[in-house]
Amino acid sequence: MTQKFEFLSKNQQIIYDIIENAKEPLKAYSILYSVKKKGIKAPPQVYRALDRLIKMGKIHKIESKNAFIACKNSNCTISNATAFSICDSCEAITEISNLKLSKYLANFQDDTGMRYNKYNLEFFGLCRKCKKNKS
């Protein structure tokens, strides 16, 4: 059952529902194909809704896959600091919610003194299930 949000536009809610119910990350054109029957026919409509949903922290973009997933972290209200673990074998994606990592990155600056106000980290490896199956 998908959540209904009063503050979402009709298009945003339709697109959120599609992403929330998907079993895997969805690319923008897959989303467009899925929502055509519901009156969303143009790519800009989809991209506007995706951008807004990302800004609200309701969905995240997995950069390496150029695809979108629903946020599963109920405390997540930010769109500028995300981290994910991605299994190389089964491609399962999990949002990382780690206070130590968040604190470290919030204070991180590189050798030039630049502080970062946005990041999207993706860690790749084998999930517990796939590690067990490879043993």
C-alpha atoms as a PDB file:
ATOM      1  CA  MET A   1       0.000   0.000   0.000  1.00  0.00           C
ATOM      2  CA  THR A   2       1.511   3.308  -1.018  1.00  0.00           C
ATOM      3  CA  GLN A   3       1.407   6.385   1.147  1.00  0.00           C
ATOM      4  CA  LYS A   4      -0.768   9.298   0.094  1.00  0.00           C
ATOM      5  CA  PHE A   5       0.737  12.704   0.689  1.00  0.00           C
ATOM      6  CA  GLU A   6      -1.519  15.766   0.745  1.00  0.00           C
ATOM      7  CA  PHE A   7       1.329  18.034  -0.318  1.00  0.00           C
ATOM      8  CA  LEU A   8       2.084  16.188  -3.566  1.00  0.00           C
ATOM      9  CA  SER A   9       0.583  17.235  -6.873  1.00  0.00           C
ATOM     10  CA  LYS A  10      -1.420  14.646  -8.794  1.00  0.00           C
ATOM     11  CA  ASN A  11       1.534  13.905 -11.114  1.00  0.00           C
ATOM     12  CA  GLN A  12       3.984  13.688  -8.218  1.00  0.00           C
ATOM     13  CA  GLN A  13       1.732  11.236  -6.358  1.00  0.00           C
ATOM     14  CA  ILE A  14       1.268   9.062  -9.464  1.00  0.00           C
ATOM     15  CA  ILE A  15       5.017   8.931 -10.084  1.00  0.00           C
ATOM     16  CA  TYR A  16       5.799   8.365  -6.404  1.00  0.00           C
ATOM     17  CA  ASP A  17       3.341   5.424  -6.355  1.00  0.00           C
ATOM     18  CA  ILE A  18       5.014   3.849  -9.407  1.00  0.00           C
ATOM     19  CA  ILE A  19       8.482   4.153  -7.864  1.00  0.00           C
ATOM     20  CA  GLU A  20       7.347   3.051  -4.384  1.00  0.00           C
ATOM     21  CA  ASN A  21       5.760  -0.129  -5.777  1.00  0.00           C
ATOM     22  CA  ALA A  22       8.647  -1.005  -8.095  1.00  0.00           C
ATOM     23  CA  LYS A  23      10.799  -3.997  -7.231  1.00  0.00           C
ATOM     24  CA  GLU A  24      13.897  -2.337  -8.697  1.00  0.00           C
ATOM     25  CA  PRO A  25      15.142   1.166  -9.494  1.00  0.00           C
ATOM     26  CA  LEU A  26      13.255   2.716 -12.411  1.00  0.00           C
ATOM     27  CA  LYS A  27      14.614   4.857 -15.224  1.00  0.00           C
ATOM     28  CA  ALA A  28      12.707   7.996 -16.218  1.00  0.00           C
ATOM     29  CA  TYR A  29      11.465   6.569 -19.524  1.00  0.00           C
ATOM     30  CA  SER A  30      10.217   3.402 -17.814  1.00  0.00           C
ATOM     31  CA  ILE A  31       8.287   5.666 -15.467  1.00  0.00           C
ATOM     32  CA  LEU A  32       6.919   7.644 -18.421  1.00  0.00           C
ATOM     33  CA  TYR A  33       5.780   4.431 -20.108  1.00  0.00           C
ATOM     34  CA  SER A  34       4.046   3.350 -16.874  1.00  0.00           C
ATOM     35  CA  VAL A  35       2.194   6.643 -16.356  1.00  0.00           C
ATOM     36  CA  LYS A  36       0.991   7.359 -19.898  1.00  0.00           C
ATOM     37  CA  LYS A  37      -2.366   5.723 -19.156  1.00  0.00           C
ATOM     38  CA  LYS A  38      -2.779   8.086 -16.211  1.00  0.00           C
ATOM     39  CA  GLY A  39      -2.479  11.229 -18.329  1.00  0.00           C
ATOM     40  CA  ILE A  40       1.230  11.997 -17.971  1.00  0.00           C
ATOM     41  CA  LYS A  41       2.423  11.972 -21.555  1.00  0.00           C
ATOM     42  CA  ALA A  42       5.487  14.228 -21.826  1.00  0.00           C
ATOM     43  CA  PRO A  43       9.010  13.646 -20.490  1.00  0.00           C
ATOM     44  CA  PRO A  44       9.172  17.152 -18.922  1.00  0.00           C
ATOM     45  CA  GLN A  45       6.173  16.273 -16.731  1.00  0.00           C
ATOM     46  CA  VAL A  46       8.002  13.216 -15.434  1.00  0.00           C
ATOM     47  CA  TYR A  47      11.299  15.037 -14.917  1.00  0.00           C
ATOM     48  CA  ARG A  48       9.623  17.928 -13.064  1.00  0.00           C
ATOM     49  CA  ALA A  49       7.882  15.492 -10.726  1.00  0.00           C
ATOM     50  CA  LEU A  50      11.095  13.498 -10.199  1.00  0.00           C
ATOM     51  CA  ASP A  51      13.074  16.659  -9.391  1.00  0.00           C
ATOM     52  CA  ARG A  52      10.463  17.785  -6.878  1.00  0.00           C
ATOM     53  CA  LEU A  53      10.239  14.340  -5.240  1.00  0.00           C
ATOM     54  CA  ILE A  54      14.038  14.273  -4.892  1.00  0.00           C
ATOM     55  CA  LYS A  55      14.064  17.747  -3.310  1.00  0.00           C
ATOM     56  CA  MET A  56      11.429  16.586  -0.809  1.00  0.00           C
ATOM     57  CA  GLY A  57      13.484  13.498   0.067  1.00  0.00           C
ATOM     58  CA  LYS A  58      10.717  11.112  -1.047  1.00  0.00           C
ATOM     59  CA  ILE A  59      12.832   9.455  -3.749  1.00  0.00           C
ATOM     60  CA  HIS A  60      16.532   9.188  -4.524  1.00  0.00           C
ATOM     61  CA  LYS A  61      18.461   8.945  -7.762  1.00  0.00           C
ATOM     62  CA  ILE A  62      20.949   6.117  -8.067  1.00  0.00           C
ATOM     63  CA  GLU A  63      23.510   7.887 -10.243  1.00  0.00           C
ATOM     64  CA  SER A  64      25.355   4.784 -11.449  1.00  0.00           C
ATOM     65  CA  LYS A  65      22.109   3.318 -12.771  1.00  0.00           C
ATOM     66  CA  ASN A  66      20.493   6.624 -13.796  1.00  0.00           C
ATOM     67  CA  ALA A  67      17.411   5.323 -12.008  1.00  0.00           C
ATOM     68  CA  PHE A  68      15.146   6.232  -9.098  1.00  0.00           C
ATOM     69  CA  ILE A  69      14.060   4.490  -5.888  1.00  0.00           C
ATOM     70  CA  ALA A  70      11.660   5.432  -3.111  1.00  0.00           C
ATOM     71  CA  CYS A  71      13.246   6.558   0.128  1.00  0.00           C
ATOM     72  CA  LYS A  72      12.824   3.854   2.759  1.00  0.00           C
ATOM     73  CA  ASN A  73      14.226   5.949   5.615  1.00  0.00           C
ATOM     74  CA  SER A  74      11.314   7.609   7.404  1.00  0.00           C
ATOM     75  CA  ASN A  75      13.703  10.144   8.980  1.00  0.00           C
ATOM     76  CA  CYS A  76      15.135  11.182   5.618  1.00  0.00           C
ATOM     77  CA  THR A  77      14.130  14.710   4.742  1.00  0.00           C
ATOM     78  CA  ILE A  78      17.208  15.727   2.808  1.00  0.00           C
ATOM     79  CA  SER A  79      18.089  15.277  -0.808  1.00  0.00           C
ATOM     80  CA  ASN A  80      21.650  16.574  -0.702  1.00  0.00           C
ATOM     81  CA  ALA A  81      23.266  13.779   1.295  1.00  0.00           C
ATOM     82  CA  THR A  82      22.608  10.204   0.272  1.00  0.00           C
ATOM     83  CA  ALA A  83      24.595   6.991   0.464  1.00  0.00           C
ATOM     84  CA  PHE A  84      23.712   3.546  -0.854  1.00  0.00           C
ATOM     85  CA  SER A  85      25.131   0.046  -0.816  1.00  0.00           C
ATOM     86  CA  ILE A  86      24.688  -1.789  -4.109  1.00  0.00           C
ATOM     87  CA  CYS A  87      25.267  -5.524  -4.465  1.00  0.00           C
ATOM     88  CA  ASP A  88      27.452  -6.408  -7.448  1.00  0.00           C
ATOM     89  CA  SER A  89      25.698  -9.748  -7.803  1.00  0.00           C
ATOM     90  CA  CYS A  90      21.943  -9.333  -7.197  1.00  0.00           C
ATOM     91  CA  GLU A  91      21.967  -5.516  -7.592  1.00  0.00           C
ATOM     92  CA  ALA A  92      19.978  -5.016  -4.360  1.00  0.00           C
ATOM     93  CA  ILE A  93      20.155  -1.390  -3.254  1.00  0.00           C
ATOM     94  CA  THR A  94      19.972  -0.272   0.358  1.00  0.00           C
ATOM     95  CA  GLU A  95      19.971   3.284   1.612  1.00  0.00           C
ATOM     96  CA  ILE A  96      22.682   3.725   4.211  1.00  0.00           C
ATOM     97  CA  SER A  97      21.612   5.540   7.342  1.00  0.00           C
ATOM     98  CA  ASN A  98      24.744   5.823   9.455  1.00  0.00           C
ATOM     99  CA  LEU A  99      25.200   8.636  11.962  1.00  0.00           C
ATOM    100  CA  LYS A 100      29.017   8.297  12.033  1.00  0.00           C
ATOM    101  CA  LEU A 101      29.241   8.552   8.244  1.00  0.00           C
ATOM    102  CA  SER A 102      26.835  11.503   8.180  1.00  0.00           C
ATOM    103  CA  LYS A 103      28.784  13.398  10.844  1.00  0.00           C
ATOM    104  CA  TYR A 104      32.100  12.695   9.126  1.00  0.00           C
ATOM    105  CA  LEU A 105      30.851  13.883   5.745  1.00  0.00           C
ATOM    106  CA  ALA A 106      29.133  16.947   7.196  1.00  0.00           C
ATOM    107  CA  ASN A 107      32.537  18.150   8.447  1.00  0.00           C
ATOM    108  CA  PHE A 108      34.649  16.835   5.581  1.00  0.00           C
ATOM    109  CA  GLN A 109      36.685  19.208   3.474  1.00  0.00           C
ATOM    110  CA  ASP A 110      39.281  18.362   0.837  1.00  0.00           C
ATOM    111  CA  ASP A 111      42.888  19.585   0.600  1.00  0.00           C
ATOM    112  CA  THR A 112      41.774  22.821  -1.060  1.00  0.00           C
ATOM    113  CA  GLY A 113      39.524  23.629   1.889  1.00  0.00           C
ATOM    114  CA  MET A 114      36.320  23.021  -0.031  1.00  0.00           C
ATOM    115  CA  ARG A 115      33.391  21.915   2.098  1.00  0.00           C
ATOM    116  CA  TYR A 116      30.704  19.928   0.347  1.00  0.00           C
ATOM    117  CA  ASN A 117      27.037  20.808   0.551  1.00  0.00           C
ATOM    118  CA  LYS A 118      25.865  17.861  -1.540  1.00  0.00           C
ATOM    119  CA  TYR A 119      26.952  14.270  -2.047  1.00  0.00           C
ATOM    120  CA  ASN A 120      25.620  11.029  -3.437  1.00  0.00           C
ATOM    121  CA  LEU A 121      27.741   8.046  -2.452  1.00  0.00           C
ATOM    122  CA  GLU A 122      27.401   4.547  -3.832  1.00  0.00           C
ATOM    123  CA  PHE A 123      29.297   1.662  -2.266  1.00  0.00           C
ATOM    124  CA  PHE A 124      29.589  -1.576  -4.244  1.00  0.00           C
ATOM    125  CA  GLY A 125      30.200  -5.074  -2.874  1.00  0.00           C
ATOM    126  CA  LEU A 126      28.372  -8.283  -2.095  1.00  0.00           C
ATOM    127  CA  CYS A 127      25.330  -8.353   0.166  1.00  0.00           C
ATOM    128  CA  ARG A 128      25.127 -10.894   2.986  1.00  0.00           C
ATOM    129  CA  LYS A 129      22.912 -13.246   0.940  1.00  0.00           C
ATOM    130  CA  CYS A 130      25.184 -13.222  -2.122  1.00  0.00           C
ATOM    131  CA  LYS A 131      28.330 -13.637   0.020  1.00  0.00           C
ATOM    132  CA  LYS A 132      26.731 -16.685   1.629  1.00  0.00           C
ATOM    133  CA  ASN A 133      25.786 -18.146  -1.784  1.00  0.00           C
ATOM    134  CA  LYS A 134      29.344 -17.676  -3.102  1.00  0.00           C
ATOM    135  CA  SER A 135      30.851 -19.580  -0.148  1.00  0.00           C
END
